[in-house]
Amino acid sequence: MAAGIIIIYDDIGPFFVIFIYNTIKIKQMKTKIFIVIIGVGLFLISFKLVIDKSVATVDRQQGIYIFMLSKPTANYECLGSVKKKAAWTGQPTEMLNKMIKKIKIDYPKADGVIFNNLNMEIADAILFKEP
């Protein structure tokens, strides 16, 4: 710790004023603040954004969300299942359209459909729960 003495003279006599400079403490405080700022900066720079690779955008057909071999991340309830009827051509688009029509008739409040296998024999009609 450094100290300085200043002598001031006035009518009564010499008057001593002692100033103590806390230069060492100020330097230590500046060093600590600098280290904290650098540490926070490095922490923010090194923070990696975690990307969930399983999240996707889902297509809608006729107002119904279509989930093929997947499930929604939002909360939902299963309204029931629908079985496939015979398709004339057996094309996936024809089977999908028939299943959506059947779901809209059997479960008019359905928000989406989950196909658990690729042959689209059975589909689950779902209703999303409000948050």
N, C-alpha and C. Protein backbone atom coordinates (compact mmCIF):
# COMPACT_ATOMS: atom_id res chain seq x y z
N MET A 1 0.85 -1.16 0.00
CA MET A 1 0.00 0.00 0.00
C MET A 1 0.90 1.23 0.00
N ALA A 2 0.62 2.17 -0.85
CA ALA A 2 1.43 3.38 -0.95
C ALA A 2 0.74 4.51 -0.20
N ALA A 3 1.52 5.34 0.43
CA ALA A 3 0.97 6.48 1.18
C ALA A 3 1.73 7.73 0.78
N GLY A 4 1.05 8.83 0.84
CA GLY A 4 1.68 10.11 0.53
C GLY A 4 1.33 11.12 1.60
N ILE A 5 2.26 11.98 1.91
CA ILE A 5 2.03 13.01 2.93
C ILE A 5 2.15 14.36 2.27
N ILE A 6 1.16 15.20 2.51
CA ILE A 6 1.19 16.57 2.00
C ILE A 6 1.15 17.50 3.22
N ILE A 7 2.06 18.45 3.25
CA ILE A 7 2.10 19.41 4.36
C ILE A 7 1.51 20.72 3.87
N ILE A 8 0.49 21.16 4.58
CA ILE A 8 -0.16 22.43 4.24
C ILE A 8 0.10 23.41 5.39
N TYR A 9 0.58 24.61 5.06
CA TYR A 9 0.85 25.63 6.06
C TYR A 9 -0.28 26.64 6.06
N ASP A 10 -0.74 26.99 7.22
CA ASP A 10 -1.67 28.11 7.33
C ASP A 10 -1.29 28.93 8.55
N ASP A 11 -2.13 29.82 9.04
CA ASP A 11 -1.79 30.76 10.11
C ASP A 11 -1.45 30.07 11.42
N ILE A 12 -2.04 28.95 11.69
CA ILE A 12 -1.82 28.26 12.95
C ILE A 12 -0.51 27.49 12.92
N GLY A 13 -0.13 27.00 11.82
CA GLY A 13 1.08 26.22 11.75
C GLY A 13 0.95 25.16 10.67
N PRO A 14 1.92 24.27 10.65
CA PRO A 14 1.85 23.24 9.63
C PRO A 14 0.69 22.27 9.88
N PHE A 15 -0.01 21.90 8.83
CA PHE A 15 -1.14 21.00 8.91
C PHE A 15 -0.84 19.83 7.99
N PHE A 16 -0.85 18.66 8.54
CA PHE A 16 -0.49 17.47 7.77
C PHE A 16 -1.75 16.76 7.25
N VAL A 17 -1.74 16.48 6.02
CA VAL A 17 -2.81 15.70 5.42
C VAL A 17 -2.16 14.47 4.81
N ILE A 18 -2.66 13.35 5.22
CA ILE A 18 -2.09 12.09 4.73
C ILE A 18 -3.10 11.45 3.77
N PHE A 19 -2.63 11.18 2.57
CA PHE A 19 -3.45 10.51 1.57
C PHE A 19 -2.92 9.09 1.40
N ILE A 20 -3.79 8.17 1.52
CA ILE A 20 -3.41 6.78 1.30
C ILE A 20 -3.99 6.35 -0.04
N TYR A 21 -3.13 5.96 -0.88
CA TYR A 21 -3.56 5.52 -2.20
C TYR A 21 -3.70 4.00 -2.18
N ASN A 22 -4.84 3.58 -2.55
CA ASN A 22 -5.09 2.13 -2.61
C ASN A 22 -4.81 1.61 -4.03
N THR A 23 -3.68 1.98 -4.52
CA THR A 23 -3.37 1.59 -5.90
C THR A 23 -3.26 0.08 -6.07
N ILE A 24 -2.74 -0.58 -5.06
CA ILE A 24 -2.59 -2.03 -5.17
C ILE A 24 -3.96 -2.70 -5.20
N LYS A 25 -4.88 -2.26 -4.34
CA LYS A 25 -6.22 -2.84 -4.30
C LYS A 25 -6.98 -2.54 -5.59
N ILE A 26 -6.81 -1.35 -6.14
CA ILE A 26 -7.47 -1.00 -7.39
C ILE A 26 -6.96 -1.89 -8.52
N LYS A 27 -5.66 -2.12 -8.57
CA LYS A 27 -5.10 -2.99 -9.60
C LYS A 27 -5.62 -4.42 -9.45
N GLN A 28 -5.72 -4.90 -8.20
CA GLN A 28 -6.23 -6.24 -7.97
C GLN A 28 -7.70 -6.35 -8.41
N MET A 29 -8.49 -5.31 -8.12
CA MET A 29 -9.89 -5.31 -8.49
C MET A 29 -10.04 -5.28 -10.01
N LYS A 30 -9.23 -4.48 -10.69
CA LYS A 30 -9.29 -4.42 -12.15
C LYS A 30 -8.93 -5.79 -12.74
N THR A 31 -7.94 -6.44 -12.17
CA THR A 31 -7.53 -7.76 -12.65
C THR A 31 -8.67 -8.76 -12.48
N LYS A 32 -9.34 -8.74 -11.33
CA LYS A 32 -10.45 -9.67 -11.08
C LYS A 32 -11.61 -9.41 -12.05
N ILE A 33 -11.94 -8.16 -12.27
CA ILE A 33 -13.04 -7.81 -13.20
C ILE A 33 -12.67 -8.27 -14.61
N PHE A 34 -11.43 -8.04 -15.01
CA PHE A 34 -10.97 -8.46 -16.34
C PHE A 34 -11.07 -9.97 -16.50
N ILE A 35 -10.67 -10.72 -15.47
CA ILE A 35 -10.73 -12.19 -15.53
C ILE A 35 -12.18 -12.66 -15.62
N VAL A 36 -13.07 -12.03 -14.86
CA VAL A 36 -14.49 -12.41 -14.91
C VAL A 36 -15.07 -12.13 -16.30
N ILE A 37 -14.77 -10.97 -16.87
CA ILE A 37 -15.29 -10.62 -18.20
C ILE A 37 -14.76 -11.60 -19.25
N ILE A 38 -13.49 -11.92 -19.19
CA ILE A 38 -12.91 -12.88 -20.14
C ILE A 38 -13.55 -14.25 -19.95
N GLY A 39 -13.75 -14.68 -18.71
CA GLY A 39 -14.36 -15.99 -18.44
C GLY A 39 -15.78 -16.08 -18.97
N VAL A 40 -16.57 -15.04 -18.73
CA VAL A 40 -17.96 -15.04 -19.23
C VAL A 40 -17.96 -15.03 -20.75
N GLY A 41 -17.09 -14.25 -21.36
CA GLY A 41 -16.99 -14.21 -22.82
C GLY A 41 -16.63 -15.56 -23.40
N LEU A 42 -15.65 -16.23 -22.81
CA LEU A 42 -15.26 -17.56 -23.30
C LEU A 42 -16.38 -18.57 -23.12
N PHE A 43 -17.11 -18.46 -22.01
CA PHE A 43 -18.24 -19.36 -21.77
C PHE A 43 -19.30 -19.17 -22.85
N LEU A 44 -19.63 -17.93 -23.16
CA LEU A 44 -20.65 -17.67 -24.17
C LEU A 44 -20.21 -18.10 -25.56
N ILE A 45 -18.94 -17.93 -25.86
CA ILE A 45 -18.43 -18.33 -27.17
C ILE A 45 -18.41 -19.85 -27.28
N SER A 46 -18.03 -20.53 -26.20
CA SER A 46 -17.90 -21.99 -26.26
C SER A 46 -19.25 -22.69 -26.16
N PHE A 47 -20.32 -21.97 -25.81
CA PHE A 47 -21.64 -22.57 -25.71
C PHE A 47 -22.11 -22.99 -27.09
N LYS A 48 -22.41 -24.26 -27.24
CA LYS A 48 -22.84 -24.78 -28.53
C LYS A 48 -24.36 -24.91 -28.54
N LEU A 49 -24.95 -24.51 -29.63
CA LEU A 49 -26.38 -24.67 -29.81
C LEU A 49 -26.66 -26.13 -30.14
N VAL A 50 -27.46 -26.77 -29.32
CA VAL A 50 -27.79 -28.17 -29.53
C VAL A 50 -28.96 -28.24 -30.49
N ILE A 51 -28.77 -28.93 -31.59
CA ILE A 51 -29.81 -29.06 -32.60
C ILE A 51 -30.38 -30.47 -32.52
N ASP A 52 -31.70 -30.54 -32.35
CA ASP A 52 -32.37 -31.83 -32.32
C ASP A 52 -32.65 -32.24 -33.76
N LYS A 53 -31.96 -33.26 -34.23
CA LYS A 53 -32.07 -33.67 -35.62
C LYS A 53 -33.34 -34.46 -35.91
N SER A 54 -34.11 -34.78 -34.88
CA SER A 54 -35.32 -35.57 -35.11
C SER A 54 -36.55 -34.68 -35.31
N VAL A 55 -36.40 -33.38 -35.19
CA VAL A 55 -37.54 -32.47 -35.37
C VAL A 55 -37.70 -32.18 -36.86
N ALA A 56 -38.94 -32.22 -37.34
CA ALA A 56 -39.20 -32.00 -38.76
C ALA A 56 -40.51 -31.23 -38.94
N THR A 57 -40.71 -30.72 -40.12
CA THR A 57 -41.97 -30.10 -40.48
C THR A 57 -42.85 -31.16 -41.12
N VAL A 58 -44.11 -31.20 -40.71
CA VAL A 58 -45.02 -32.23 -41.15
C VAL A 58 -45.95 -31.67 -42.23
N ASP A 59 -46.19 -32.48 -43.26
CA ASP A 59 -47.11 -32.06 -44.32
C ASP A 59 -48.56 -32.24 -43.89
N ARG A 60 -49.41 -31.41 -44.49
CA ARG A 60 -50.85 -31.53 -44.27
C ARG A 60 -51.51 -31.90 -45.58
N GLN A 61 -52.43 -32.81 -45.50
CA GLN A 61 -53.25 -33.19 -46.65
C GLN A 61 -54.70 -33.04 -46.22
N GLN A 62 -55.45 -32.24 -46.95
CA GLN A 62 -56.87 -32.02 -46.67
C GLN A 62 -57.10 -31.56 -45.23
N GLY A 63 -56.16 -30.78 -44.71
CA GLY A 63 -56.29 -30.23 -43.35
C GLY A 63 -55.86 -31.17 -42.24
N ILE A 64 -55.31 -32.31 -42.56
CA ILE A 64 -54.89 -33.32 -41.58
C ILE A 64 -53.36 -33.45 -41.63
N TYR A 65 -52.73 -33.41 -40.45
CA TYR A 65 -51.28 -33.62 -40.38
C TYR A 65 -50.99 -35.11 -40.60
N ILE A 66 -50.00 -35.41 -41.44
CA ILE A 66 -49.66 -36.79 -41.79
C ILE A 66 -48.32 -37.17 -41.14
N PHE A 67 -48.36 -38.18 -40.29
CA PHE A 67 -47.15 -38.69 -39.63
C PHE A 67 -46.91 -40.12 -40.12
N MET A 68 -45.85 -40.31 -40.89
CA MET A 68 -45.50 -41.64 -41.39
C MET A 68 -44.34 -42.18 -40.57
N LEU A 69 -44.55 -43.29 -39.88
CA LEU A 69 -43.52 -43.93 -39.06
C LEU A 69 -42.91 -42.95 -38.05
N SER A 70 -43.72 -42.02 -37.56
CA SER A 70 -43.25 -41.04 -36.59
C SER A 70 -44.42 -40.60 -35.72
N LYS A 71 -44.09 -39.88 -34.68
CA LYS A 71 -45.12 -39.37 -33.77
C LYS A 71 -44.88 -37.89 -33.54
N PRO A 72 -45.92 -37.13 -33.28
CA PRO A 72 -45.74 -35.70 -33.02
C PRO A 72 -45.07 -35.46 -31.67
N THR A 73 -44.34 -34.36 -31.56
CA THR A 73 -43.71 -34.00 -30.29
C THR A 73 -44.71 -33.32 -29.37
N ALA A 74 -45.75 -32.73 -29.90
CA ALA A 74 -46.78 -32.07 -29.09
C ALA A 74 -47.65 -33.14 -28.42
N ASN A 75 -48.27 -32.77 -27.32
CA ASN A 75 -49.17 -33.69 -26.63
C ASN A 75 -50.42 -33.93 -27.47
N TYR A 76 -50.84 -35.17 -27.52
CA TYR A 76 -52.02 -35.52 -28.31
C TYR A 76 -52.73 -36.69 -27.65
N GLU A 77 -53.98 -36.89 -28.07
CA GLU A 77 -54.71 -38.07 -27.63
C GLU A 77 -55.17 -38.83 -28.88
N CYS A 78 -55.18 -40.13 -28.76
CA CYS A 78 -55.59 -40.98 -29.87
C CYS A 78 -57.11 -41.12 -29.83
N LEU A 79 -57.76 -40.72 -30.92
CA LEU A 79 -59.22 -40.81 -30.98
C LEU A 79 -59.68 -42.20 -31.36
N GLY A 80 -58.88 -42.90 -32.14
CA GLY A 80 -59.24 -44.24 -32.59
C GLY A 80 -58.44 -44.63 -33.81
N SER A 81 -58.70 -45.82 -34.29
CA SER A 81 -57.97 -46.33 -35.45
C SER A 81 -58.91 -46.56 -36.62
N VAL A 82 -58.34 -46.49 -37.82
CA VAL A 82 -59.08 -46.71 -39.04
C VAL A 82 -58.33 -47.76 -39.85
N LYS A 83 -59.08 -48.73 -40.41
CA LYS A 83 -58.45 -49.77 -41.23
C LYS A 83 -58.63 -49.44 -42.70
N LYS A 84 -57.66 -49.85 -43.48
CA LYS A 84 -57.65 -49.58 -44.92
C LYS A 84 -58.71 -50.42 -45.63
N LYS A 85 -59.37 -49.75 -46.57
CA LYS A 85 -60.27 -50.47 -47.47
C LYS A 85 -59.49 -50.80 -48.73
N ALA A 86 -60.06 -51.58 -49.59
CA ALA A 86 -59.40 -51.94 -50.85
C ALA A 86 -59.21 -50.70 -51.72
N ALA A 87 -58.04 -50.63 -52.33
CA ALA A 87 -57.74 -49.53 -53.25
C ALA A 87 -57.70 -50.08 -54.66
N TRP A 88 -58.18 -49.29 -55.61
CA TRP A 88 -58.21 -49.75 -57.00
C TRP A 88 -56.82 -49.95 -57.56
N THR A 89 -55.99 -48.96 -57.42
CA THR A 89 -54.66 -49.06 -58.03
C THR A 89 -53.59 -49.49 -57.05
N GLY A 90 -53.84 -49.29 -55.78
CA GLY A 90 -52.83 -49.63 -54.77
C GLY A 90 -51.72 -48.59 -54.67
N GLN A 91 -51.91 -47.47 -55.33
CA GLN A 91 -50.92 -46.39 -55.25
C GLN A 91 -50.98 -45.72 -53.87
N PRO A 92 -49.82 -45.29 -53.35
CA PRO A 92 -49.80 -44.67 -52.02
C PRO A 92 -50.69 -43.43 -51.92
N THR A 93 -50.74 -42.61 -52.96
CA THR A 93 -51.58 -41.41 -52.88
C THR A 93 -53.06 -41.77 -52.80
N GLU A 94 -53.47 -42.78 -53.53
CA GLU A 94 -54.87 -43.21 -53.48
C GLU A 94 -55.20 -43.76 -52.08
N MET A 95 -54.30 -44.58 -51.53
CA MET A 95 -54.54 -45.14 -50.20
C MET A 95 -54.57 -44.04 -49.15
N LEU A 96 -53.68 -43.08 -49.27
CA LEU A 96 -53.63 -41.97 -48.32
C LEU A 96 -54.92 -41.16 -48.37
N ASN A 97 -55.36 -40.82 -49.57
CA ASN A 97 -56.60 -40.03 -49.71
C ASN A 97 -57.81 -40.77 -49.15
N LYS A 98 -57.88 -42.08 -49.37
CA LYS A 98 -59.01 -42.87 -48.83
C LYS A 98 -58.97 -42.90 -47.30
N MET A 99 -57.76 -43.06 -46.74
CA MET A 99 -57.64 -43.09 -45.28
C MET A 99 -58.02 -41.73 -44.67
N ILE A 100 -57.60 -40.66 -45.30
CA ILE A 100 -57.94 -39.32 -44.79
C ILE A 100 -59.45 -39.10 -44.85
N LYS A 101 -60.09 -39.48 -45.95
CA LYS A 101 -61.54 -39.34 -46.06
C LYS A 101 -62.25 -40.13 -44.98
N LYS A 102 -61.78 -41.36 -44.74
CA LYS A 102 -62.40 -42.20 -43.72
C LYS A 102 -62.21 -41.60 -42.33
N ILE A 103 -61.03 -41.06 -42.06
CA ILE A 103 -60.77 -40.43 -40.76
C ILE A 103 -61.66 -39.21 -40.57
N LYS A 104 -61.82 -38.41 -41.62
CA LYS A 104 -62.68 -37.22 -41.52
C LYS A 104 -64.14 -37.60 -41.25
N ILE A 105 -64.57 -38.74 -41.78
CA ILE A 105 -65.94 -39.19 -41.54
C ILE A 105 -66.08 -39.76 -40.13
N ASP A 106 -65.16 -40.66 -39.74
CA ASP A 106 -65.26 -41.34 -38.45
C ASP A 106 -64.87 -40.42 -37.28
N TYR A 107 -63.90 -39.56 -37.49
CA TYR A 107 -63.38 -38.68 -36.42
C TYR A 107 -63.26 -37.25 -36.95
N PRO A 108 -64.36 -36.52 -37.02
CA PRO A 108 -64.34 -35.18 -37.62
C PRO A 108 -63.47 -34.17 -36.86
N LYS A 109 -63.19 -34.42 -35.61
CA LYS A 109 -62.35 -33.48 -34.82
C LYS A 109 -60.86 -33.80 -34.92
N ALA A 110 -60.50 -34.80 -35.68
CA ALA A 110 -59.09 -35.24 -35.78
C ALA A 110 -58.23 -34.13 -36.39
N ASP A 111 -57.05 -33.95 -35.78
CA ASP A 111 -56.06 -32.98 -36.30
C ASP A 111 -55.01 -33.66 -37.16
N GLY A 112 -54.78 -34.94 -36.91
CA GLY A 112 -53.72 -35.63 -37.63
C GLY A 112 -53.95 -37.12 -37.68
N VAL A 113 -53.05 -37.78 -38.41
CA VAL A 113 -53.11 -39.23 -38.55
C VAL A 113 -51.69 -39.77 -38.44
N ILE A 114 -51.57 -40.89 -37.73
CA ILE A 114 -50.27 -41.56 -37.58
C ILE A 114 -50.34 -42.91 -38.28
N PHE A 115 -49.44 -43.10 -39.25
CA PHE A 115 -49.30 -44.40 -39.90
C PHE A 115 -48.09 -45.09 -39.28
N ASN A 116 -48.32 -46.24 -38.64
CA ASN A 116 -47.24 -46.93 -37.95
C ASN A 116 -46.48 -47.91 -38.84
N ASN A 117 -46.97 -48.15 -40.05
CA ASN A 117 -46.24 -49.01 -40.98
C ASN A 117 -46.40 -48.46 -42.40
N LEU A 118 -45.54 -48.92 -43.29
CA LEU A 118 -45.51 -48.37 -44.66
C LEU A 118 -46.66 -48.84 -45.55
N ASN A 119 -47.29 -49.96 -45.20
CA ASN A 119 -48.37 -50.44 -46.06
C ASN A 119 -49.69 -49.72 -45.79
N MET A 120 -49.71 -48.83 -44.83
CA MET A 120 -50.88 -47.98 -44.52
C MET A 120 -52.16 -48.77 -44.30
N GLU A 121 -52.05 -49.90 -43.62
CA GLU A 121 -53.24 -50.70 -43.35
C GLU A 121 -54.07 -50.13 -42.20
N ILE A 122 -53.38 -49.64 -41.19
CA ILE A 122 -54.07 -49.08 -40.03
C ILE A 122 -53.49 -47.69 -39.74
N ALA A 123 -54.38 -46.76 -39.45
CA ALA A 123 -53.97 -45.40 -39.12
C ALA A 123 -54.66 -44.97 -37.84
N ASP A 124 -53.94 -44.24 -37.00
CA ASP A 124 -54.50 -43.71 -35.76
C ASP A 124 -54.87 -42.25 -35.95
N ALA A 125 -56.13 -41.93 -35.66
CA ALA A 125 -56.57 -40.54 -35.71
C ALA A 125 -56.21 -39.88 -34.38
N ILE A 126 -55.62 -38.68 -34.45
CA ILE A 126 -55.18 -38.01 -33.22
C ILE A 126 -55.78 -36.61 -33.13
N LEU A 127 -55.88 -36.14 -31.90
CA LEU A 127 -56.34 -34.78 -31.60
C LEU A 127 -55.29 -34.15 -30.71
N PHE A 128 -54.76 -33.00 -31.11
CA PHE A 128 -53.73 -32.32 -30.31
C PHE A 128 -54.37 -31.69 -29.08
N LYS A 129 -53.70 -31.84 -27.94
CA LYS A 129 -54.17 -31.25 -26.69
C LYS A 129 -53.74 -29.79 -26.64
N GLU A 130 -54.57 -28.98 -26.05
CA GLU A 130 -54.23 -27.56 -25.89
C GLU A 130 -53.16 -27.42 -24.82
N PRO A 131 -52.19 -26.53 -25.03
CA PRO A 131 -51.11 -26.37 -24.03
C PRO A 131 -51.61 -25.76 -22.75
